[in-house]
């Protein structure tokens, strides 16, 4: 599948080249549409994760869930450091149907994991 705003390699785990191909096409289609609506670039800081990524991130001091939606290819983190872009990105994500969003100082997490509660927004 081809997307207007993304390539699969943007979602690769740093530990497994080509792993971005394992991302859900439904997830990426929604994200691609949200990018059009937001009107700002989406720089992906984390897409697909392999099991070894969980331990690597923990060693770097991050709090990482062992059931991370990134492991299923239905999550991404988008770099964001200012409130105007944050508003536009979140508004666009909600507009295309995402209902699971995490907000940090430097990124926005979004997923559509069918195994987790919907209508959930949290902070890091």
N, C-alpha and C. Protein backbone atom coordinates (compact mmCIF):
# COMPACT_ATOMS: atom_id res chain seq x y z
N UNK A 1 0.85 -1.18 0.00
CA UNK A 1 0.00 0.00 0.00
C UNK A 1 0.89 1.24 0.00
N UNK A 2 0.45 2.29 -0.65
CA UNK A 2 1.22 3.53 -0.71
C UNK A 2 0.44 4.62 0.02
N UNK A 3 1.18 5.44 0.75
CA UNK A 3 0.58 6.53 1.51
C UNK A 3 1.11 7.87 1.00
N UNK A 4 0.29 8.89 1.11
CA UNK A 4 0.65 10.22 0.63
C UNK A 4 1.78 10.85 1.45
N UNK A 5 1.72 10.68 2.77
CA UNK A 5 2.62 11.41 3.66
C UNK A 5 3.69 10.58 4.34
N UNK A 6 3.67 9.27 4.17
CA UNK A 6 4.59 8.40 4.90
C UNK A 6 5.14 7.31 4.01
N UNK A 7 6.28 6.76 4.42
CA UNK A 7 6.81 5.53 3.86
C UNK A 7 6.95 4.55 5.02
N UNK A 8 6.90 3.28 4.72
CA UNK A 8 6.97 2.26 5.77
C UNK A 8 8.25 2.38 6.60
N UNK A 9 9.36 2.75 5.96
CA UNK A 9 10.62 2.77 6.70
C UNK A 9 10.64 3.82 7.82
N UNK A 10 9.76 4.82 7.75
CA UNK A 10 9.67 5.80 8.84
C UNK A 10 9.20 5.14 10.14
N UNK A 11 8.59 3.97 10.03
CA UNK A 11 8.04 3.26 11.19
C UNK A 11 8.91 2.09 11.63
N UNK A 12 10.08 1.92 10.99
CA UNK A 12 10.98 0.81 11.33
C UNK A 12 11.47 0.93 12.78
N UNK A 13 11.54 -0.20 13.46
CA UNK A 13 12.25 -0.28 14.73
C UNK A 13 13.74 -0.06 14.42
N UNK A 14 14.46 0.66 15.28
CA UNK A 14 15.90 0.81 15.04
C UNK A 14 16.65 -0.52 15.14
N UNK A 15 15.98 -1.54 15.68
CA UNK A 15 16.60 -2.84 15.85
C UNK A 15 16.23 -3.84 14.76
N UNK A 16 15.32 -3.46 13.85
CA UNK A 16 14.91 -4.39 12.80
C UNK A 16 14.53 -3.63 11.54
N UNK A 17 15.46 -3.55 10.62
CA UNK A 17 15.19 -2.89 9.34
C UNK A 17 14.04 -3.59 8.63
N UNK A 18 13.16 -2.81 8.06
CA UNK A 18 12.02 -3.35 7.34
C UNK A 18 10.80 -3.64 8.20
N UNK A 19 10.93 -3.45 9.51
CA UNK A 19 9.82 -3.78 10.42
C UNK A 19 8.63 -2.84 10.25
N UNK A 20 8.83 -1.68 9.65
CA UNK A 20 7.72 -0.77 9.39
C UNK A 20 6.67 -1.40 8.47
N UNK A 21 7.09 -2.39 7.70
CA UNK A 21 6.15 -3.13 6.83
C UNK A 21 5.12 -3.90 7.66
N UNK A 22 5.41 -4.11 8.94
CA UNK A 22 4.51 -4.85 9.83
C UNK A 22 3.43 -3.97 10.44
N UNK A 23 3.47 -2.67 10.15
CA UNK A 23 2.46 -1.76 10.67
C UNK A 23 1.11 -2.08 10.04
N UNK A 24 0.06 -1.84 10.80
CA UNK A 24 -1.30 -2.02 10.30
C UNK A 24 -1.60 -0.99 9.22
N UNK A 25 -2.06 -1.45 8.07
CA UNK A 25 -2.41 -0.52 6.99
C UNK A 25 -3.60 0.36 7.38
N UNK A 26 -4.53 -0.17 8.15
CA UNK A 26 -5.67 0.64 8.62
C UNK A 26 -5.16 1.79 9.49
N UNK A 27 -4.24 1.47 10.41
CA UNK A 27 -3.66 2.50 11.28
C UNK A 27 -2.96 3.57 10.44
N UNK A 28 -2.12 3.13 9.50
CA UNK A 28 -1.37 4.08 8.68
C UNK A 28 -2.27 4.92 7.79
N UNK A 29 -3.35 4.34 7.28
CA UNK A 29 -4.30 5.11 6.47
C UNK A 29 -4.95 6.22 7.29
N UNK A 30 -5.33 5.89 8.51
CA UNK A 30 -5.92 6.89 9.40
C UNK A 30 -4.90 7.99 9.71
N UNK A 31 -3.66 7.59 9.99
CA UNK A 31 -2.61 8.55 10.32
C UNK A 31 -2.31 9.45 9.12
N UNK A 32 -2.30 8.87 7.93
CA UNK A 32 -2.05 9.61 6.70
C UNK A 32 -3.14 10.68 6.50
N UNK A 33 -4.39 10.31 6.75
CA UNK A 33 -5.50 11.25 6.63
C UNK A 33 -5.37 12.35 7.69
N UNK A 34 -5.02 11.97 8.90
CA UNK A 34 -4.85 12.96 9.97
C UNK A 34 -3.76 13.96 9.62
N UNK A 35 -2.69 13.48 9.00
CA UNK A 35 -1.59 14.38 8.61
C UNK A 35 -2.10 15.43 7.62
N UNK A 36 -2.94 15.03 6.68
CA UNK A 36 -3.51 15.99 5.74
C UNK A 36 -4.34 17.05 6.46
N UNK A 37 -5.15 16.61 7.40
CA UNK A 37 -6.02 17.54 8.13
C UNK A 37 -5.24 18.49 9.04
N UNK A 38 -4.17 17.99 9.66
CA UNK A 38 -3.42 18.78 10.63
C UNK A 38 -2.67 19.94 9.97
N UNK A 39 -2.21 19.73 8.75
CA UNK A 39 -1.47 20.79 8.07
C UNK A 39 -0.08 21.04 8.61
N UNK A 40 0.43 20.10 9.41
CA UNK A 40 1.80 20.19 9.91
C UNK A 40 2.46 18.82 9.70
N UNK A 41 3.77 18.80 9.51
CA UNK A 41 4.46 17.51 9.32
C UNK A 41 4.32 16.61 10.55
N UNK A 42 4.27 15.32 10.31
CA UNK A 42 4.29 14.33 11.39
C UNK A 42 5.65 13.64 11.31
N UNK A 43 6.56 13.96 12.24
CA UNK A 43 7.84 13.26 12.30
C UNK A 43 7.66 12.10 13.28
N UNK A 44 7.78 10.89 12.77
CA UNK A 44 7.58 9.70 13.59
C UNK A 44 8.85 9.40 14.38
N UNK A 45 8.74 9.40 15.70
CA UNK A 45 9.89 9.09 16.55
C UNK A 45 9.90 7.64 16.99
N UNK A 46 8.75 6.98 16.92
CA UNK A 46 8.67 5.56 17.25
C UNK A 46 7.45 4.98 16.56
N UNK A 47 7.67 3.92 15.83
CA UNK A 47 6.58 3.22 15.14
C UNK A 47 6.54 1.78 15.62
N UNK A 48 6.90 0.87 14.74
CA UNK A 48 6.88 -0.54 15.11
C UNK A 48 8.00 -0.82 16.11
N UNK A 49 7.71 -1.64 17.10
CA UNK A 49 8.72 -2.07 18.06
C UNK A 49 8.78 -3.58 18.10
N UNK A 50 10.01 -4.08 18.20
CA UNK A 50 10.23 -5.50 18.43
C UNK A 50 10.43 -5.67 19.94
N UNK A 51 10.33 -6.89 20.43
CA UNK A 51 10.46 -7.15 21.87
C UNK A 51 11.73 -6.52 22.46
N UNK A 52 12.84 -6.60 21.73
CA UNK A 52 14.11 -6.06 22.24
C UNK A 52 14.05 -4.55 22.43
N UNK A 53 13.17 -3.87 21.71
CA UNK A 53 13.01 -2.43 21.91
C UNK A 53 12.52 -2.11 23.31
N UNK A 54 11.67 -2.96 23.85
CA UNK A 54 11.11 -2.72 25.19
C UNK A 54 12.24 -2.66 26.21
N UNK A 55 13.12 -3.63 26.17
CA UNK A 55 14.25 -3.66 27.12
C UNK A 55 15.21 -2.50 26.85
N UNK A 56 15.47 -2.20 25.59
CA UNK A 56 16.37 -1.09 25.22
C UNK A 56 15.84 0.22 25.79
N UNK A 57 14.53 0.45 25.64
CA UNK A 57 13.93 1.70 26.14
C UNK A 57 13.93 1.74 27.66
N UNK A 58 13.68 0.61 28.30
CA UNK A 58 13.72 0.57 29.78
C UNK A 58 15.12 0.93 30.28
N UNK A 59 16.14 0.39 29.62
CA UNK A 59 17.53 0.69 30.01
C UNK A 59 17.87 2.16 29.84
N UNK A 60 17.16 2.81 28.91
CA UNK A 60 17.36 4.25 28.69
C UNK A 60 16.55 5.09 29.67
N UNK A 61 15.79 4.44 30.55
CA UNK A 61 15.06 5.15 31.58
C UNK A 61 13.60 5.43 31.27
N UNK A 62 13.10 4.90 30.15
CA UNK A 62 11.70 5.12 29.80
C UNK A 62 10.81 4.08 30.47
N UNK A 63 9.61 4.50 30.79
CA UNK A 63 8.59 3.60 31.32
C UNK A 63 7.86 3.02 30.11
N UNK A 64 8.02 1.72 29.88
CA UNK A 64 7.47 1.10 28.68
C UNK A 64 6.60 -0.09 29.07
N UNK A 65 5.42 -0.13 28.51
CA UNK A 65 4.49 -1.23 28.81
C UNK A 65 4.91 -2.51 28.08
N UNK A 66 4.85 -3.63 28.77
CA UNK A 66 5.13 -4.91 28.10
C UNK A 66 4.05 -5.28 27.09
N UNK A 67 2.91 -4.59 27.15
CA UNK A 67 1.82 -4.83 26.19
C UNK A 67 1.69 -3.63 25.23
N UNK A 68 2.80 -2.97 24.98
CA UNK A 68 2.80 -1.78 24.12
C UNK A 68 2.11 -2.05 22.79
N UNK A 69 1.28 -1.12 22.39
CA UNK A 69 0.59 -1.22 21.10
C UNK A 69 1.56 -1.12 19.93
N UNK A 70 2.74 -0.57 20.19
CA UNK A 70 3.78 -0.52 19.15
C UNK A 70 4.18 -1.93 18.70
N UNK A 71 4.12 -2.89 19.63
CA UNK A 71 4.49 -4.28 19.30
C UNK A 71 3.52 -4.91 18.30
N UNK A 72 2.33 -4.35 18.21
CA UNK A 72 1.30 -4.88 17.30
C UNK A 72 1.24 -4.09 15.99
N UNK A 73 2.01 -3.02 15.89
CA UNK A 73 1.98 -2.21 14.67
C UNK A 73 0.77 -1.31 14.57
N UNK A 74 0.19 -0.95 15.71
CA UNK A 74 -0.99 -0.08 15.71
C UNK A 74 -0.77 1.17 16.55
N UNK A 75 0.49 1.64 16.62
CA UNK A 75 0.81 2.82 17.42
C UNK A 75 1.99 3.56 16.81
N UNK A 76 2.03 4.85 17.08
CA UNK A 76 3.17 5.67 16.67
C UNK A 76 3.30 6.84 17.63
N UNK A 77 4.52 7.33 17.74
CA UNK A 77 4.80 8.55 18.49
C UNK A 77 5.20 9.62 17.47
N UNK A 78 4.60 10.78 17.60
CA UNK A 78 4.81 11.90 16.68
C UNK A 78 5.52 13.01 17.44
N UNK A 79 6.66 13.46 16.93
CA UNK A 79 7.40 14.55 17.58
C UNK A 79 6.54 15.81 17.60
N UNK A 80 6.55 16.49 18.75
CA UNK A 80 5.79 17.73 18.87
C UNK A 80 6.27 18.47 20.11
N UNK A 81 6.66 19.75 19.93
CA UNK A 81 7.18 20.51 21.07
C UNK A 81 6.51 21.86 21.27
N UNK A 82 5.45 22.15 20.51
CA UNK A 82 4.78 23.43 20.74
C UNK A 82 3.27 23.24 20.77
N UNK A 83 2.62 24.14 21.47
CA UNK A 83 1.19 23.96 21.73
C UNK A 83 0.31 24.11 20.49
N UNK A 84 0.68 24.97 19.56
CA UNK A 84 -0.14 25.14 18.35
C UNK A 84 -0.15 23.87 17.51
N UNK A 85 1.04 23.29 17.27
CA UNK A 85 1.12 22.03 16.52
C UNK A 85 0.43 20.91 17.29
N UNK A 86 0.63 20.89 18.60
CA UNK A 86 0.00 19.85 19.43
C UNK A 86 -1.52 19.89 19.27
N UNK A 87 -2.09 21.08 19.32
CA UNK A 87 -3.53 21.21 19.13
C UNK A 87 -3.96 20.70 17.76
N UNK A 88 -3.27 21.15 16.71
CA UNK A 88 -3.63 20.74 15.34
C UNK A 88 -3.50 19.24 15.13
N UNK A 89 -2.45 18.64 15.68
CA UNK A 89 -2.24 17.20 15.53
C UNK A 89 -3.33 16.43 16.26
N UNK A 90 -3.59 16.79 17.51
CA UNK A 90 -4.61 16.08 18.30
C UNK A 90 -5.99 16.26 17.69
N UNK A 91 -6.31 17.46 17.24
CA UNK A 91 -7.60 17.71 16.60
C UNK A 91 -7.76 16.81 15.37
N UNK A 92 -6.72 16.72 14.57
CA UNK A 92 -6.78 15.88 13.36
C UNK A 92 -6.89 14.40 13.71
N UNK A 93 -6.14 13.95 14.72
CA UNK A 93 -6.21 12.54 15.14
C UNK A 93 -7.63 12.18 15.59
N UNK A 94 -8.23 13.05 16.38
CA UNK A 94 -9.60 12.81 16.83
C UNK A 94 -10.58 12.84 15.65
N UNK A 95 -10.35 13.74 14.72
CA UNK A 95 -11.26 13.89 13.58
C UNK A 95 -11.31 12.65 12.69
N UNK A 96 -10.20 11.91 12.60
CA UNK A 96 -10.19 10.72 11.74
C UNK A 96 -10.59 9.45 12.50
N UNK A 97 -10.87 9.60 13.80
CA UNK A 97 -11.38 8.46 14.55
C UNK A 97 -10.46 7.84 15.58
N UNK A 98 -9.27 8.39 15.77
CA UNK A 98 -8.42 7.87 16.85
C UNK A 98 -9.03 8.29 18.19
N UNK A 99 -8.99 7.40 19.17
CA UNK A 99 -9.54 7.74 20.49
C UNK A 99 -8.61 7.33 21.62
N UNK A 100 -7.35 7.02 21.27
CA UNK A 100 -6.34 6.70 22.29
C UNK A 100 -5.11 7.57 22.00
N UNK A 101 -4.89 8.56 22.87
CA UNK A 101 -3.84 9.54 22.64
C UNK A 101 -3.10 9.82 23.95
N UNK A 102 -1.79 9.77 23.88
CA UNK A 102 -0.94 10.11 25.02
C UNK A 102 -0.16 11.38 24.69
N UNK A 103 -0.06 12.29 25.64
CA UNK A 103 0.57 13.58 25.39
C UNK A 103 1.78 13.75 26.32
N UNK A 104 2.93 14.00 25.70
CA UNK A 104 4.17 14.26 26.45
C UNK A 104 4.69 15.63 26.03
N UNK A 105 5.74 16.09 26.69
CA UNK A 105 6.33 17.38 26.34
C UNK A 105 6.89 17.40 24.93
N UNK A 106 7.41 16.27 24.46
CA UNK A 106 8.12 16.24 23.18
C UNK A 106 7.48 15.35 22.11
N UNK A 107 6.38 14.69 22.44
CA UNK A 107 5.74 13.82 21.46
C UNK A 107 4.28 13.58 21.80
N UNK A 108 3.56 13.08 20.80
CA UNK A 108 2.18 12.63 20.96
C UNK A 108 2.13 11.17 20.56
N UNK A 109 1.62 10.33 21.45
CA UNK A 109 1.41 8.92 21.14
C UNK A 109 -0.02 8.76 20.63
N UNK A 110 -0.18 7.94 19.60
CA UNK A 110 -1.51 7.61 19.10
C UNK A 110 -1.55 6.13 18.78
N UNK A 111 -2.67 5.49 19.12
CA UNK A 111 -2.85 4.09 18.72
C UNK A 111 -4.33 3.80 18.52
N UNK A 112 -4.58 2.69 17.85
CA UNK A 112 -5.94 2.20 17.71
C UNK A 112 -5.97 0.71 18.05
N UNK A 113 -5.37 0.39 19.18
CA UNK A 113 -5.27 -0.98 19.66
C UNK A 113 -6.66 -1.49 20.05
N UNK A 114 -7.14 -2.52 19.34
CA UNK A 114 -8.48 -3.02 19.63
C UNK A 114 -8.60 -3.74 20.98
N UNK A 115 -7.46 -4.05 21.59
CA UNK A 115 -7.45 -4.76 22.87
C UNK A 115 -7.37 -3.84 24.08
N UNK A 116 -7.39 -2.54 23.85
CA UNK A 116 -7.28 -1.57 24.95
C UNK A 116 -8.50 -0.67 24.97
N UNK A 117 -8.78 -0.08 26.13
CA UNK A 117 -9.97 0.79 26.26
C UNK A 117 -9.93 1.96 25.30
N UNK A 118 -11.08 2.29 24.72
CA UNK A 118 -11.15 3.44 23.82
C UNK A 118 -11.48 4.69 24.64
N UNK A 119 -11.49 5.82 23.95
CA UNK A 119 -11.79 7.11 24.57
C UNK A 119 -10.91 7.37 25.77
N UNK A 120 -9.60 7.38 25.51
CA UNK A 120 -8.62 7.53 26.57
C UNK A 120 -7.54 8.51 26.12
N UNK A 121 -7.34 9.57 26.91
CA UNK A 121 -6.25 10.50 26.70
C UNK A 121 -5.47 10.61 28.00
N UNK A 122 -4.15 10.49 27.91
CA UNK A 122 -3.32 10.52 29.10
C UNK A 122 -2.09 11.38 28.87
N UNK A 123 -1.39 11.69 29.94
CA UNK A 123 -0.13 12.45 29.85
C UNK A 123 1.00 11.58 30.38
N UNK A 124 2.19 11.96 29.97
CA UNK A 124 3.41 11.26 30.42
C UNK A 124 4.15 12.15 31.39
